[in-house]
């Protein structure tokens, strides 16, 4: 599994793009801050094409269910890995996920 950083591509199931923001700046991969636990939660999702009269597009990420390292931490916060999986606020509720589509770095990896 690869470490995820601010420039990694995270998207909803409909290909809406998650706006990444790193809460820490001092641990980086090639100058780009790595994401730690809670960074992928509550983030904006742009350009989700899933919309219609009774359909709500994904606009925010919700709780992460998988994807935080059990061993690696930055200032006490678990590092985000590329097996990240969490829910969004889109329809149908509780079924639409956000996941890593591209780590965009091949330098750092971890087993879990």
N, C-alpha and C. Protein backbone atom coordinates (compact mmCIF):
# COMPACT_ATOMS: atom_id res chain seq x y z
N UNK A 1 0.83 -1.17 0.00
CA UNK A 1 0.00 0.00 0.00
C UNK A 1 0.88 1.24 0.00
N UNK A 2 0.43 2.25 -0.67
CA UNK A 2 1.17 3.52 -0.76
C UNK A 2 0.63 4.54 0.24
N UNK A 3 1.51 5.42 0.69
CA UNK A 3 1.10 6.54 1.52
C UNK A 3 0.33 7.51 0.62
N UNK A 4 -0.66 8.17 1.18
CA UNK A 4 -1.45 9.13 0.42
C UNK A 4 -1.05 10.54 0.85
N UNK A 5 -0.91 11.42 -0.14
CA UNK A 5 -0.56 12.81 0.16
C UNK A 5 -1.60 13.75 -0.44
N UNK A 6 -1.39 15.03 -0.23
CA UNK A 6 -2.35 16.05 -0.64
C UNK A 6 -2.68 16.00 -2.13
N UNK A 7 -1.74 15.57 -2.98
CA UNK A 7 -1.97 15.56 -4.42
C UNK A 7 -2.48 14.22 -4.95
N UNK A 8 -2.73 13.25 -4.07
CA UNK A 8 -3.29 11.96 -4.49
C UNK A 8 -4.72 12.18 -4.98
N UNK A 9 -5.14 11.32 -5.90
CA UNK A 9 -6.49 11.43 -6.45
C UNK A 9 -7.45 10.53 -5.66
N UNK A 10 -8.39 11.16 -4.97
CA UNK A 10 -9.45 10.47 -4.25
C UNK A 10 -10.75 10.91 -4.91
N UNK A 11 -11.64 9.94 -5.18
CA UNK A 11 -12.89 10.26 -5.88
C UNK A 11 -14.04 9.44 -5.33
N UNK A 12 -15.25 9.95 -5.54
CA UNK A 12 -16.45 9.18 -5.17
C UNK A 12 -16.69 8.11 -6.24
N UNK A 13 -17.64 7.23 -5.97
CA UNK A 13 -17.96 6.16 -6.92
C UNK A 13 -18.40 6.69 -8.29
N UNK A 14 -18.86 7.94 -8.33
CA UNK A 14 -19.34 8.53 -9.59
C UNK A 14 -18.26 9.36 -10.27
N UNK A 15 -17.05 9.36 -9.75
CA UNK A 15 -15.90 10.10 -10.26
C UNK A 15 -15.86 11.57 -9.88
N UNK A 16 -16.62 11.99 -8.88
CA UNK A 16 -16.45 13.33 -8.34
C UNK A 16 -15.13 13.39 -7.59
N UNK A 17 -14.42 14.50 -7.68
CA UNK A 17 -13.09 14.62 -7.09
C UNK A 17 -13.13 15.19 -5.68
N UNK A 18 -12.41 14.53 -4.78
CA UNK A 18 -12.31 14.99 -3.40
C UNK A 18 -11.20 16.05 -3.32
N UNK A 19 -11.50 17.15 -2.63
CA UNK A 19 -10.51 18.20 -2.41
C UNK A 19 -9.71 17.83 -1.16
N UNK A 20 -8.46 17.42 -1.36
CA UNK A 20 -7.61 17.01 -0.25
C UNK A 20 -7.03 18.22 0.47
N UNK A 21 -6.88 18.07 1.78
CA UNK A 21 -6.23 19.09 2.59
C UNK A 21 -5.48 18.37 3.70
N UNK A 22 -4.21 18.67 3.83
CA UNK A 22 -3.38 18.03 4.85
C UNK A 22 -3.41 18.86 6.13
N UNK A 23 -3.61 18.19 7.27
CA UNK A 23 -3.64 18.89 8.55
C UNK A 23 -2.24 19.08 9.13
N UNK A 24 -1.26 18.43 8.54
CA UNK A 24 0.13 18.60 8.99
C UNK A 24 0.98 18.92 7.77
N UNK A 25 2.09 19.61 7.99
CA UNK A 25 2.93 20.07 6.88
C UNK A 25 4.38 19.58 6.97
N UNK A 26 4.76 18.95 8.05
CA UNK A 26 6.18 18.67 8.24
C UNK A 26 6.62 17.30 7.77
N UNK A 27 5.72 16.33 7.49
CA UNK A 27 6.11 15.06 6.88
C UNK A 27 5.56 15.07 5.47
N UNK A 28 6.48 14.96 4.51
CA UNK A 28 6.10 15.07 3.10
C UNK A 28 6.65 13.91 2.28
N UNK A 29 6.07 13.71 1.11
CA UNK A 29 6.61 12.81 0.10
C UNK A 29 6.95 13.69 -1.08
N UNK A 30 8.25 13.84 -1.33
CA UNK A 30 8.74 14.71 -2.39
C UNK A 30 8.15 16.12 -2.31
N UNK A 31 8.08 16.63 -1.09
CA UNK A 31 7.64 17.99 -0.85
C UNK A 31 6.14 18.18 -0.70
N UNK A 32 5.36 17.11 -0.81
CA UNK A 32 3.90 17.21 -0.69
C UNK A 32 3.47 16.57 0.64
N UNK A 33 2.74 17.30 1.49
CA UNK A 33 2.36 16.79 2.81
C UNK A 33 1.52 15.51 2.73
N UNK A 34 1.84 14.53 3.58
CA UNK A 34 1.06 13.29 3.64
C UNK A 34 -0.23 13.56 4.42
N UNK A 35 -1.26 12.77 4.12
CA UNK A 35 -2.53 12.87 4.83
C UNK A 35 -2.49 11.94 6.04
N UNK A 36 -3.11 12.39 7.12
CA UNK A 36 -3.23 11.59 8.34
C UNK A 36 -4.69 11.46 8.71
N UNK A 37 -4.98 10.63 9.74
CA UNK A 37 -6.38 10.35 10.07
C UNK A 37 -7.20 11.63 10.27
N UNK A 38 -8.39 11.54 9.77
CA UNK A 38 -9.41 12.60 9.73
C UNK A 38 -9.20 13.56 8.56
N UNK A 39 -8.03 13.58 7.91
CA UNK A 39 -7.86 14.47 6.75
C UNK A 39 -8.84 14.15 5.62
N UNK A 40 -9.14 12.88 5.31
CA UNK A 40 -10.08 12.61 4.20
C UNK A 40 -11.56 12.77 4.57
N UNK A 41 -11.86 13.10 5.81
CA UNK A 41 -13.25 13.17 6.27
C UNK A 41 -13.75 14.62 6.26
N UNK A 42 -14.99 14.81 5.80
CA UNK A 42 -15.58 16.14 5.77
C UNK A 42 -15.05 17.02 4.65
N UNK A 43 -14.47 16.43 3.63
CA UNK A 43 -13.90 17.20 2.51
C UNK A 43 -14.92 17.39 1.40
N UNK A 44 -14.75 18.49 0.66
CA UNK A 44 -15.63 18.78 -0.47
C UNK A 44 -15.38 17.81 -1.61
N UNK A 45 -16.46 17.47 -2.32
CA UNK A 45 -16.38 16.67 -3.54
C UNK A 45 -16.93 17.55 -4.66
N UNK A 46 -16.15 17.71 -5.73
CA UNK A 46 -16.58 18.54 -6.85
C UNK A 46 -16.83 17.69 -8.08
N UNK A 47 -17.73 18.16 -8.90
CA UNK A 47 -18.03 17.57 -10.21
C UNK A 47 -18.61 16.16 -10.15
N UNK A 48 -19.35 15.85 -9.10
CA UNK A 48 -20.04 14.55 -9.06
C UNK A 48 -21.18 14.61 -10.07
N UNK A 49 -21.17 13.72 -11.06
CA UNK A 49 -22.20 13.77 -12.10
C UNK A 49 -23.52 13.10 -11.71
N UNK A 50 -23.61 12.58 -10.50
CA UNK A 50 -24.80 11.86 -10.06
C UNK A 50 -25.83 12.86 -9.52
N UNK A 51 -26.70 13.36 -10.38
CA UNK A 51 -27.72 14.31 -9.93
C UNK A 51 -28.98 14.15 -10.77
N UNK A 52 -30.05 14.66 -10.25
CA UNK A 52 -31.34 14.58 -10.92
C UNK A 52 -32.42 15.07 -9.98
N UNK A 53 -33.69 14.94 -10.38
CA UNK A 53 -34.80 15.46 -9.57
C UNK A 53 -34.86 14.86 -8.16
N UNK A 54 -34.56 13.59 -7.99
CA UNK A 54 -34.61 12.97 -6.67
C UNK A 54 -33.26 12.40 -6.25
N UNK A 55 -32.21 12.84 -6.92
CA UNK A 55 -30.87 12.30 -6.65
C UNK A 55 -29.97 13.42 -6.15
N UNK A 56 -29.30 13.17 -5.04
CA UNK A 56 -28.35 14.14 -4.47
C UNK A 56 -26.94 13.75 -4.88
N UNK A 57 -26.21 14.66 -5.52
CA UNK A 57 -24.81 14.35 -5.85
C UNK A 57 -23.95 14.31 -4.60
N UNK A 58 -22.81 13.69 -4.69
CA UNK A 58 -21.85 13.66 -3.58
C UNK A 58 -21.22 15.05 -3.47
N UNK A 59 -21.31 15.65 -2.30
CA UNK A 59 -20.68 16.96 -2.09
C UNK A 59 -19.72 16.96 -0.90
N UNK A 60 -19.81 15.94 -0.02
CA UNK A 60 -18.91 15.83 1.14
C UNK A 60 -18.54 14.38 1.39
N UNK A 61 -17.30 14.19 1.85
CA UNK A 61 -16.90 12.87 2.32
C UNK A 61 -17.37 12.70 3.75
N UNK A 62 -17.65 11.47 4.13
CA UNK A 62 -18.06 11.16 5.49
C UNK A 62 -16.97 10.31 6.15
N UNK A 63 -17.32 9.56 7.15
CA UNK A 63 -16.39 8.75 7.93
C UNK A 63 -15.63 7.74 7.06
N UNK A 64 -14.35 7.58 7.35
CA UNK A 64 -13.51 6.57 6.71
C UNK A 64 -13.69 5.26 7.46
N UNK A 65 -13.89 4.15 6.72
CA UNK A 65 -14.04 2.85 7.35
C UNK A 65 -12.77 2.02 7.29
N UNK A 66 -11.94 2.25 6.26
CA UNK A 66 -10.68 1.52 6.06
C UNK A 66 -9.68 2.49 5.45
N UNK A 67 -8.40 2.32 5.81
CA UNK A 67 -7.38 3.10 5.13
C UNK A 67 -6.42 3.86 6.03
N UNK A 68 -6.57 3.72 7.34
CA UNK A 68 -5.60 4.33 8.24
C UNK A 68 -4.62 3.26 8.70
N UNK A 69 -3.34 3.58 8.67
CA UNK A 69 -2.31 2.64 9.09
C UNK A 69 -2.47 2.29 10.57
N UNK A 70 -2.23 1.03 10.88
CA UNK A 70 -2.27 0.62 12.28
C UNK A 70 -0.92 0.87 12.96
N UNK A 71 0.14 1.06 12.19
CA UNK A 71 1.49 1.20 12.75
C UNK A 71 2.11 2.58 12.54
N UNK A 72 1.88 3.17 11.40
CA UNK A 72 2.57 4.41 11.05
C UNK A 72 1.77 5.63 11.50
N UNK A 73 2.47 6.53 12.20
CA UNK A 73 1.82 7.73 12.72
C UNK A 73 2.71 8.95 12.52
N UNK A 74 2.04 10.08 12.38
CA UNK A 74 2.72 11.37 12.32
C UNK A 74 2.13 12.20 13.44
N UNK A 75 2.95 12.53 14.43
CA UNK A 75 2.51 13.31 15.58
C UNK A 75 1.27 12.69 16.23
N UNK A 76 1.25 11.35 16.31
CA UNK A 76 0.16 10.63 16.95
C UNK A 76 -1.02 10.32 16.06
N UNK A 77 -1.02 10.81 14.82
CA UNK A 77 -2.13 10.58 13.89
C UNK A 77 -1.74 9.51 12.87
N UNK A 78 -2.65 8.57 12.61
CA UNK A 78 -2.38 7.48 11.67
C UNK A 78 -2.25 7.98 10.24
N UNK A 79 -1.29 7.45 9.51
CA UNK A 79 -1.06 7.80 8.11
C UNK A 79 -2.16 7.19 7.25
N UNK A 80 -2.60 7.92 6.22
CA UNK A 80 -3.61 7.42 5.29
C UNK A 80 -2.92 6.59 4.21
N UNK A 81 -3.48 5.42 3.93
CA UNK A 81 -2.94 4.51 2.92
C UNK A 81 -3.88 4.38 1.72
N UNK A 82 -3.38 3.82 0.63
CA UNK A 82 -4.18 3.79 -0.61
C UNK A 82 -5.31 2.77 -0.62
N UNK A 83 -5.53 2.05 0.47
CA UNK A 83 -6.71 1.19 0.57
C UNK A 83 -7.88 1.95 1.20
N UNK A 84 -7.76 3.27 1.26
CA UNK A 84 -8.77 4.14 1.83
C UNK A 84 -10.16 3.84 1.26
N UNK A 85 -11.14 3.76 2.14
CA UNK A 85 -12.53 3.57 1.74
C UNK A 85 -13.42 4.21 2.79
N UNK A 86 -14.29 5.09 2.33
CA UNK A 86 -15.22 5.76 3.23
C UNK A 86 -16.49 6.09 2.48
N UNK A 87 -17.46 6.63 3.17
CA UNK A 87 -18.74 6.97 2.56
C UNK A 87 -18.80 8.44 2.16
N UNK A 88 -19.79 8.76 1.31
CA UNK A 88 -20.08 10.15 0.95
C UNK A 88 -21.52 10.45 1.35
N UNK A 89 -21.92 11.71 1.16
CA UNK A 89 -23.29 12.10 1.47
C UNK A 89 -24.23 12.00 0.27
N UNK A 90 -23.77 11.39 -0.83
CA UNK A 90 -24.59 11.26 -2.03
C UNK A 90 -25.63 10.15 -1.92
N UNK A 91 -26.51 10.11 -2.91
CA UNK A 91 -27.55 9.06 -2.93
C UNK A 91 -27.10 7.89 -3.77
N UNK A 92 -27.50 6.69 -3.38
CA UNK A 92 -28.32 6.37 -2.21
C UNK A 92 -27.51 6.47 -0.92
N UNK A 93 -28.11 7.00 0.17
CA UNK A 93 -27.41 7.20 1.43
C UNK A 93 -26.81 5.90 1.97
N UNK A 94 -25.57 6.01 2.44
CA UNK A 94 -24.90 4.86 3.05
C UNK A 94 -24.35 3.84 2.07
N UNK A 95 -24.42 4.14 0.77
CA UNK A 95 -23.94 3.18 -0.23
C UNK A 95 -22.87 3.72 -1.17
N UNK A 96 -22.69 5.03 -1.21
CA UNK A 96 -21.72 5.63 -2.12
C UNK A 96 -20.41 5.85 -1.37
N UNK A 97 -19.32 5.38 -1.95
CA UNK A 97 -18.01 5.43 -1.30
C UNK A 97 -17.08 6.45 -1.95
N UNK A 98 -16.05 6.83 -1.21
CA UNK A 98 -14.91 7.56 -1.79
C UNK A 98 -13.67 6.70 -1.57
N UNK A 99 -12.84 6.63 -2.62
CA UNK A 99 -11.66 5.77 -2.59
C UNK A 99 -10.50 6.45 -3.32
N UNK A 100 -9.32 5.93 -3.09
CA UNK A 100 -8.13 6.42 -3.79
C UNK A 100 -8.14 5.85 -5.20
N UNK A 101 -8.02 6.72 -6.18
CA UNK A 101 -7.92 6.29 -7.58
C UNK A 101 -6.47 6.25 -8.04
N UNK A 102 -5.65 7.14 -7.48
CA UNK A 102 -4.23 7.17 -7.82
C UNK A 102 -3.45 7.79 -6.67
N UNK A 103 -2.46 7.06 -6.16
CA UNK A 103 -1.65 7.58 -5.06
C UNK A 103 -0.78 8.74 -5.53
N UNK A 104 -0.41 8.72 -6.78
CA UNK A 104 0.44 9.74 -7.40
C UNK A 104 1.80 9.88 -6.72
N UNK A 105 2.25 8.77 -6.17
CA UNK A 105 3.63 8.67 -5.67
C UNK A 105 3.96 7.19 -5.57
N UNK A 106 5.19 6.84 -5.94
CA UNK A 106 5.66 5.46 -5.88
C UNK A 106 6.84 5.32 -4.93
N UNK A 107 7.04 6.31 -4.08
CA UNK A 107 8.22 6.36 -3.23
C UNK A 107 8.03 5.66 -1.90
N UNK A 108 6.91 5.90 -1.21
CA UNK A 108 6.69 5.34 0.12
C UNK A 108 5.53 4.36 0.14
N UNK A 109 5.76 3.20 0.76
CA UNK A 109 4.72 2.20 0.90
C UNK A 109 4.72 1.64 2.31
N UNK A 110 3.68 0.89 2.63
CA UNK A 110 3.55 0.29 3.96
C UNK A 110 2.72 -0.97 3.86
N UNK A 111 2.89 -1.87 4.81
CA UNK A 111 2.09 -3.09 4.84
C UNK A 111 0.79 -2.92 5.62
N UNK A 112 0.64 -1.89 6.37
CA UNK A 112 -0.61 -1.70 7.12
C UNK A 112 -0.46 -0.84 8.27
